[in-house]
């Protein structure tokens, strides 16, 4: 049975994928002046640009997704030996290793399923 944090990781991955579809990827900031977003910015985009048929604009479970970003600690999949909480790890993968948002989402999903 999947733990709550693993479920939350998969949800984060889905929000990254949804947000990534809204524009190009940027580096060094959550958003840029041309409408791009980094991987964490894509989470925000995915959460707040949900289709209207979902009802509420802000999901009830948003707080636990951010808990997941703080409580889950991961080793860098690129082999640089960093071990960070999920939020700074996502920024690290986006900015330092230039992984695409889709690659980061896939990594989150694989980690949650392992």
N, C-alpha and C. Protein backbone atom coordinates (compact mmCIF):
# COMPACT_ATOMS: atom_id res chain seq x y z
N UNK A 1 0.84 -1.18 0.00
CA UNK A 1 0.00 0.00 0.00
C UNK A 1 0.89 1.25 0.00
N UNK A 2 0.57 2.21 -0.83
CA UNK A 2 1.36 3.44 -0.94
C UNK A 2 1.15 4.31 0.29
N UNK A 3 2.22 4.91 0.75
CA UNK A 3 2.11 5.84 1.87
C UNK A 3 1.50 7.14 1.39
N UNK A 4 1.04 7.95 2.34
CA UNK A 4 0.45 9.24 2.01
C UNK A 4 1.46 10.12 1.27
N UNK A 5 2.71 10.13 1.72
CA UNK A 5 3.73 10.96 1.07
C UNK A 5 4.02 10.49 -0.35
N UNK A 6 3.98 9.18 -0.60
CA UNK A 6 4.17 8.68 -1.97
C UNK A 6 3.02 9.13 -2.87
N UNK A 7 1.81 9.08 -2.35
CA UNK A 7 0.65 9.56 -3.10
C UNK A 7 0.79 11.04 -3.41
N UNK A 8 1.26 11.81 -2.43
CA UNK A 8 1.45 13.24 -2.63
C UNK A 8 2.54 13.52 -3.67
N UNK A 9 3.59 12.70 -3.69
CA UNK A 9 4.63 12.86 -4.71
C UNK A 9 4.06 12.67 -6.11
N UNK A 10 3.21 11.66 -6.27
CA UNK A 10 2.59 11.42 -7.57
C UNK A 10 1.69 12.60 -7.97
N UNK A 11 0.98 13.17 -6.99
CA UNK A 11 0.14 14.34 -7.28
C UNK A 11 1.00 15.53 -7.69
N UNK A 12 2.12 15.74 -7.00
CA UNK A 12 3.03 16.82 -7.38
C UNK A 12 3.51 16.64 -8.81
N UNK A 13 3.84 15.41 -9.17
CA UNK A 13 4.28 15.13 -10.54
C UNK A 13 3.19 15.51 -11.55
N UNK A 14 1.94 15.19 -11.24
CA UNK A 14 0.84 15.53 -12.14
C UNK A 14 0.67 17.04 -12.26
N UNK A 15 0.83 17.77 -11.15
CA UNK A 15 0.74 19.23 -11.20
C UNK A 15 1.88 19.82 -12.02
N UNK A 16 3.08 19.25 -11.91
CA UNK A 16 4.21 19.72 -12.72
C UNK A 16 3.89 19.51 -14.20
N UNK A 17 3.40 18.33 -14.54
CA UNK A 17 3.06 18.05 -15.94
C UNK A 17 2.00 19.03 -16.46
N UNK A 18 0.97 19.25 -15.65
CA UNK A 18 -0.10 20.18 -16.06
C UNK A 18 0.44 21.59 -16.23
N UNK A 19 1.24 22.05 -15.29
CA UNK A 19 1.81 23.39 -15.38
C UNK A 19 2.79 23.53 -16.52
N UNK A 20 3.54 22.48 -16.80
CA UNK A 20 4.52 22.53 -17.89
C UNK A 20 3.84 22.74 -19.24
N UNK A 21 2.60 22.34 -19.35
CA UNK A 21 1.89 22.49 -20.63
C UNK A 21 1.47 23.93 -20.89
N UNK A 22 1.62 24.81 -19.89
CA UNK A 22 1.18 26.20 -20.04
C UNK A 22 2.22 27.12 -20.66
N UNK A 23 3.47 26.68 -20.76
CA UNK A 23 4.49 27.56 -21.32
C UNK A 23 5.87 26.93 -21.24
N UNK A 24 6.86 27.72 -21.61
CA UNK A 24 8.25 27.23 -21.66
C UNK A 24 8.85 27.13 -20.26
N UNK A 25 9.98 26.44 -20.17
CA UNK A 25 10.70 26.28 -18.91
C UNK A 25 11.65 27.45 -18.70
N UNK A 26 11.75 27.91 -17.45
CA UNK A 26 12.73 28.94 -17.13
C UNK A 26 13.63 28.44 -16.01
N UNK A 27 14.71 29.16 -15.78
CA UNK A 27 15.72 28.76 -14.80
C UNK A 27 16.07 29.95 -13.94
N UNK A 28 16.34 29.72 -12.65
CA UNK A 28 16.77 30.77 -11.75
C UNK A 28 15.64 31.54 -11.08
N UNK A 29 14.40 31.29 -11.45
CA UNK A 29 13.26 31.91 -10.80
C UNK A 29 12.04 31.03 -11.05
N UNK A 30 11.01 31.20 -10.23
CA UNK A 30 9.81 30.39 -10.40
C UNK A 30 9.12 30.70 -11.73
N UNK A 31 9.11 31.99 -12.11
CA UNK A 31 8.46 32.45 -13.34
C UNK A 31 9.34 33.48 -14.01
N UNK A 32 9.19 33.64 -15.32
CA UNK A 32 9.90 34.72 -15.99
C UNK A 32 8.90 35.66 -16.65
N UNK A 33 9.40 36.77 -17.17
CA UNK A 33 8.54 37.80 -17.76
C UNK A 33 7.88 37.36 -19.06
N UNK A 34 8.31 36.25 -19.63
CA UNK A 34 7.72 35.76 -20.88
C UNK A 34 6.70 34.65 -20.66
N UNK A 35 6.33 34.40 -19.40
CA UNK A 35 5.32 33.40 -19.10
C UNK A 35 5.84 32.00 -18.84
N UNK A 36 7.15 31.84 -18.71
CA UNK A 36 7.73 30.54 -18.41
C UNK A 36 7.70 30.23 -16.93
N UNK A 37 7.92 28.98 -16.59
CA UNK A 37 7.99 28.57 -15.19
C UNK A 37 9.05 27.50 -15.01
N UNK A 38 9.62 27.47 -13.80
CA UNK A 38 10.51 26.37 -13.45
C UNK A 38 9.63 25.21 -12.98
N UNK A 39 10.22 24.14 -12.50
CA UNK A 39 9.44 22.97 -12.08
C UNK A 39 8.53 23.30 -10.89
N UNK A 40 9.02 24.07 -9.90
CA UNK A 40 8.14 24.43 -8.78
C UNK A 40 7.09 25.44 -9.22
N UNK A 41 7.45 26.33 -10.11
CA UNK A 41 6.46 27.25 -10.68
C UNK A 41 5.38 26.48 -11.42
N UNK A 42 5.76 25.39 -12.07
CA UNK A 42 4.79 24.56 -12.79
C UNK A 42 3.80 23.91 -11.82
N UNK A 43 4.25 23.59 -10.60
CA UNK A 43 3.31 23.07 -9.59
C UNK A 43 2.23 24.11 -9.35
N UNK A 44 2.65 25.35 -9.13
CA UNK A 44 1.70 26.44 -8.91
C UNK A 44 0.76 26.57 -10.11
N UNK A 45 1.33 26.56 -11.31
CA UNK A 45 0.52 26.66 -12.53
C UNK A 45 -0.48 25.51 -12.61
N UNK A 46 -0.02 24.31 -12.30
CA UNK A 46 -0.90 23.15 -12.36
C UNK A 46 -2.03 23.21 -11.35
N UNK A 47 -1.73 23.71 -10.15
CA UNK A 47 -2.74 23.80 -9.10
C UNK A 47 -3.76 24.89 -9.42
N UNK A 48 -3.31 26.06 -9.78
CA UNK A 48 -4.21 27.19 -9.92
C UNK A 48 -4.82 27.33 -11.30
N UNK A 49 -4.46 26.50 -12.25
CA UNK A 49 -5.08 26.53 -13.57
C UNK A 49 -5.83 25.23 -13.85
N UNK A 50 -6.44 24.69 -12.82
CA UNK A 50 -7.25 23.49 -12.99
C UNK A 50 -8.47 23.81 -13.84
N UNK A 51 -8.94 22.85 -14.62
CA UNK A 51 -10.15 23.09 -15.40
C UNK A 51 -11.32 23.47 -14.49
N UNK A 52 -12.17 24.35 -14.95
CA UNK A 52 -13.30 24.84 -14.15
C UNK A 52 -14.25 23.71 -13.72
N UNK A 53 -14.35 22.65 -14.48
CA UNK A 53 -15.28 21.58 -14.11
C UNK A 53 -14.87 20.87 -12.82
N UNK A 54 -13.67 21.16 -12.32
CA UNK A 54 -13.24 20.56 -11.06
C UNK A 54 -13.86 21.25 -9.86
N UNK A 55 -14.58 22.34 -10.07
CA UNK A 55 -15.22 23.03 -8.96
C UNK A 55 -14.32 24.08 -8.35
N UNK A 56 -13.84 23.81 -7.14
CA UNK A 56 -13.01 24.79 -6.43
C UNK A 56 -11.73 25.06 -7.20
N UNK A 57 -11.28 26.31 -7.14
CA UNK A 57 -10.04 26.68 -7.81
C UNK A 57 -8.84 26.17 -7.03
N UNK A 58 -8.90 26.18 -5.70
CA UNK A 58 -7.80 25.72 -4.86
C UNK A 58 -8.22 24.40 -4.22
N UNK A 59 -7.53 23.32 -4.49
CA UNK A 59 -7.92 22.03 -3.92
C UNK A 59 -7.73 22.01 -2.40
N UNK A 60 -8.57 21.23 -1.73
CA UNK A 60 -8.49 21.12 -0.27
C UNK A 60 -7.17 20.53 0.19
N UNK A 61 -6.54 19.71 -0.61
CA UNK A 61 -5.34 18.99 -0.20
C UNK A 61 -4.05 19.74 -0.49
N UNK A 62 -4.13 21.03 -0.85
CA UNK A 62 -2.93 21.79 -1.20
C UNK A 62 -1.92 21.81 -0.06
N UNK A 63 -2.38 21.97 1.17
CA UNK A 63 -1.47 22.03 2.32
C UNK A 63 -0.64 20.76 2.45
N UNK A 64 -1.22 19.60 2.23
CA UNK A 64 -0.44 18.37 2.37
C UNK A 64 0.55 18.19 1.23
N UNK A 65 0.28 18.77 0.06
CA UNK A 65 1.26 18.71 -1.01
C UNK A 65 2.51 19.49 -0.63
N UNK A 66 2.31 20.63 0.02
CA UNK A 66 3.46 21.41 0.46
C UNK A 66 4.16 20.75 1.63
N UNK A 67 3.43 19.99 2.44
CA UNK A 67 4.06 19.19 3.50
C UNK A 67 5.00 18.18 2.86
N UNK A 68 4.56 17.58 1.78
CA UNK A 68 5.39 16.61 1.05
C UNK A 68 6.67 17.28 0.56
N UNK A 69 6.58 18.50 0.06
CA UNK A 69 7.77 19.22 -0.42
C UNK A 69 8.79 19.45 0.69
N UNK A 70 8.31 19.60 1.92
CA UNK A 70 9.20 19.85 3.06
C UNK A 70 9.71 18.57 3.72
N UNK A 71 8.86 17.55 3.82
CA UNK A 71 9.18 16.37 4.63
C UNK A 71 9.92 15.28 3.87
N UNK A 72 9.72 15.18 2.58
CA UNK A 72 10.37 14.13 1.80
C UNK A 72 11.78 14.58 1.44
N UNK A 73 12.77 13.76 1.77
CA UNK A 73 14.17 14.06 1.45
C UNK A 73 14.64 13.03 0.42
N UNK A 74 15.26 13.52 -0.65
CA UNK A 74 15.71 12.64 -1.74
C UNK A 74 17.17 12.90 -2.08
N UNK A 75 17.82 11.86 -2.59
CA UNK A 75 19.17 11.97 -3.12
C UNK A 75 19.06 12.38 -4.59
N UNK A 76 19.96 13.22 -5.05
CA UNK A 76 19.94 13.69 -6.43
C UNK A 76 20.09 12.51 -7.40
N UNK A 77 19.17 12.39 -8.36
CA UNK A 77 19.26 11.28 -9.31
C UNK A 77 20.35 11.48 -10.37
N UNK A 78 20.97 12.64 -10.39
CA UNK A 78 22.01 12.93 -11.37
C UNK A 78 23.41 12.57 -10.87
N UNK A 79 23.49 12.03 -9.65
CA UNK A 79 24.76 11.51 -9.14
C UNK A 79 25.69 12.52 -8.51
N UNK A 80 25.20 13.70 -8.15
CA UNK A 80 26.09 14.70 -7.56
C UNK A 80 26.15 14.59 -6.03
N UNK A 81 25.50 13.59 -5.47
CA UNK A 81 25.52 13.27 -4.04
C UNK A 81 24.81 14.27 -3.14
N UNK A 82 24.03 15.20 -3.69
CA UNK A 82 23.22 16.09 -2.85
C UNK A 82 22.05 15.29 -2.31
N UNK A 83 21.69 15.60 -1.09
CA UNK A 83 20.53 15.01 -0.42
C UNK A 83 19.74 16.18 0.16
N UNK A 84 18.55 16.42 -0.38
CA UNK A 84 17.79 17.62 -0.04
C UNK A 84 16.31 17.30 0.14
N UNK A 85 15.60 18.16 0.90
CA UNK A 85 14.14 18.05 0.90
C UNK A 85 13.63 18.25 -0.53
N UNK A 86 12.45 17.75 -0.79
CA UNK A 86 11.92 17.70 -2.16
C UNK A 86 11.85 19.07 -2.83
N UNK A 87 11.42 20.11 -2.14
CA UNK A 87 11.31 21.43 -2.77
C UNK A 87 12.65 21.93 -3.30
N UNK A 88 13.71 22.00 -2.45
CA UNK A 88 14.99 22.44 -3.00
C UNK A 88 15.59 21.44 -4.00
N UNK A 89 15.26 20.15 -3.87
CA UNK A 89 15.75 19.17 -4.84
C UNK A 89 15.15 19.44 -6.22
N UNK A 90 13.87 19.77 -6.27
CA UNK A 90 13.22 20.08 -7.54
C UNK A 90 13.88 21.31 -8.18
N UNK A 91 14.14 22.33 -7.36
CA UNK A 91 14.82 23.53 -7.87
C UNK A 91 16.23 23.17 -8.36
N UNK A 92 16.95 22.34 -7.60
CA UNK A 92 18.29 21.90 -7.96
C UNK A 92 18.28 21.17 -9.31
N UNK A 93 17.34 20.25 -9.49
CA UNK A 93 17.26 19.50 -10.75
C UNK A 93 16.92 20.42 -11.92
N UNK A 94 16.04 21.38 -11.67
CA UNK A 94 15.65 22.33 -12.71
C UNK A 94 16.81 23.26 -13.08
N UNK A 95 17.41 23.89 -12.08
CA UNK A 95 18.39 24.95 -12.33
C UNK A 95 19.81 24.43 -12.55
N UNK A 96 20.24 23.46 -11.75
CA UNK A 96 21.63 23.00 -11.82
C UNK A 96 21.84 21.91 -12.87
N UNK A 97 20.90 21.00 -12.98
CA UNK A 97 21.04 19.90 -13.94
C UNK A 97 20.23 20.12 -15.22
N UNK A 98 19.43 21.18 -15.23
CA UNK A 98 18.63 21.54 -16.41
C UNK A 98 17.74 20.40 -16.89
N UNK A 99 17.25 19.60 -15.92
CA UNK A 99 16.27 18.58 -16.28
C UNK A 99 14.99 19.28 -16.70
N UNK A 100 14.27 18.72 -17.66
CA UNK A 100 12.99 19.30 -18.05
C UNK A 100 11.98 19.07 -16.93
N UNK A 101 10.92 19.86 -16.94
CA UNK A 101 9.86 19.68 -15.95
C UNK A 101 9.24 18.30 -16.10
N UNK A 102 9.11 17.83 -17.32
CA UNK A 102 8.55 16.49 -17.55
C UNK A 102 9.48 15.40 -17.00
N UNK A 103 10.79 15.58 -17.14
CA UNK A 103 11.74 14.61 -16.58
C UNK A 103 11.66 14.61 -15.05
N UNK A 104 11.52 15.78 -14.46
CA UNK A 104 11.39 15.87 -13.00
C UNK A 104 10.10 15.20 -12.55
N UNK A 105 9.02 15.43 -13.26
CA UNK A 105 7.75 14.78 -12.92
C UNK A 105 7.86 13.27 -13.03
N UNK A 106 8.52 12.78 -14.07
CA UNK A 106 8.71 11.34 -14.24
C UNK A 106 9.55 10.77 -13.10
N UNK A 107 10.61 11.47 -12.71
CA UNK A 107 11.45 11.04 -11.60
C UNK A 107 10.62 10.96 -10.31
N UNK A 108 9.80 11.98 -10.05
CA UNK A 108 8.94 11.97 -8.86
C UNK A 108 8.01 10.76 -8.87
N UNK A 109 7.42 10.48 -10.02
CA UNK A 109 6.51 9.34 -10.14
C UNK A 109 7.24 8.03 -9.89
N UNK A 110 8.41 7.87 -10.49
CA UNK A 110 9.19 6.64 -10.30
C UNK A 110 9.61 6.48 -8.84
N UNK A 111 10.03 7.56 -8.21
CA UNK A 111 10.42 7.51 -6.80
C UNK A 111 9.24 7.11 -5.91
N UNK A 112 8.08 7.65 -6.21
CA UNK A 112 6.89 7.33 -5.41
C UNK A 112 6.46 5.89 -5.61
N UNK A 113 6.73 5.33 -6.77
CA UNK A 113 6.31 3.96 -7.07
C UNK A 113 7.33 2.91 -6.65
N UNK A 114 8.53 3.35 -6.25
CA UNK A 114 9.56 2.36 -5.90
C UNK A 114 9.54 2.00 -4.43
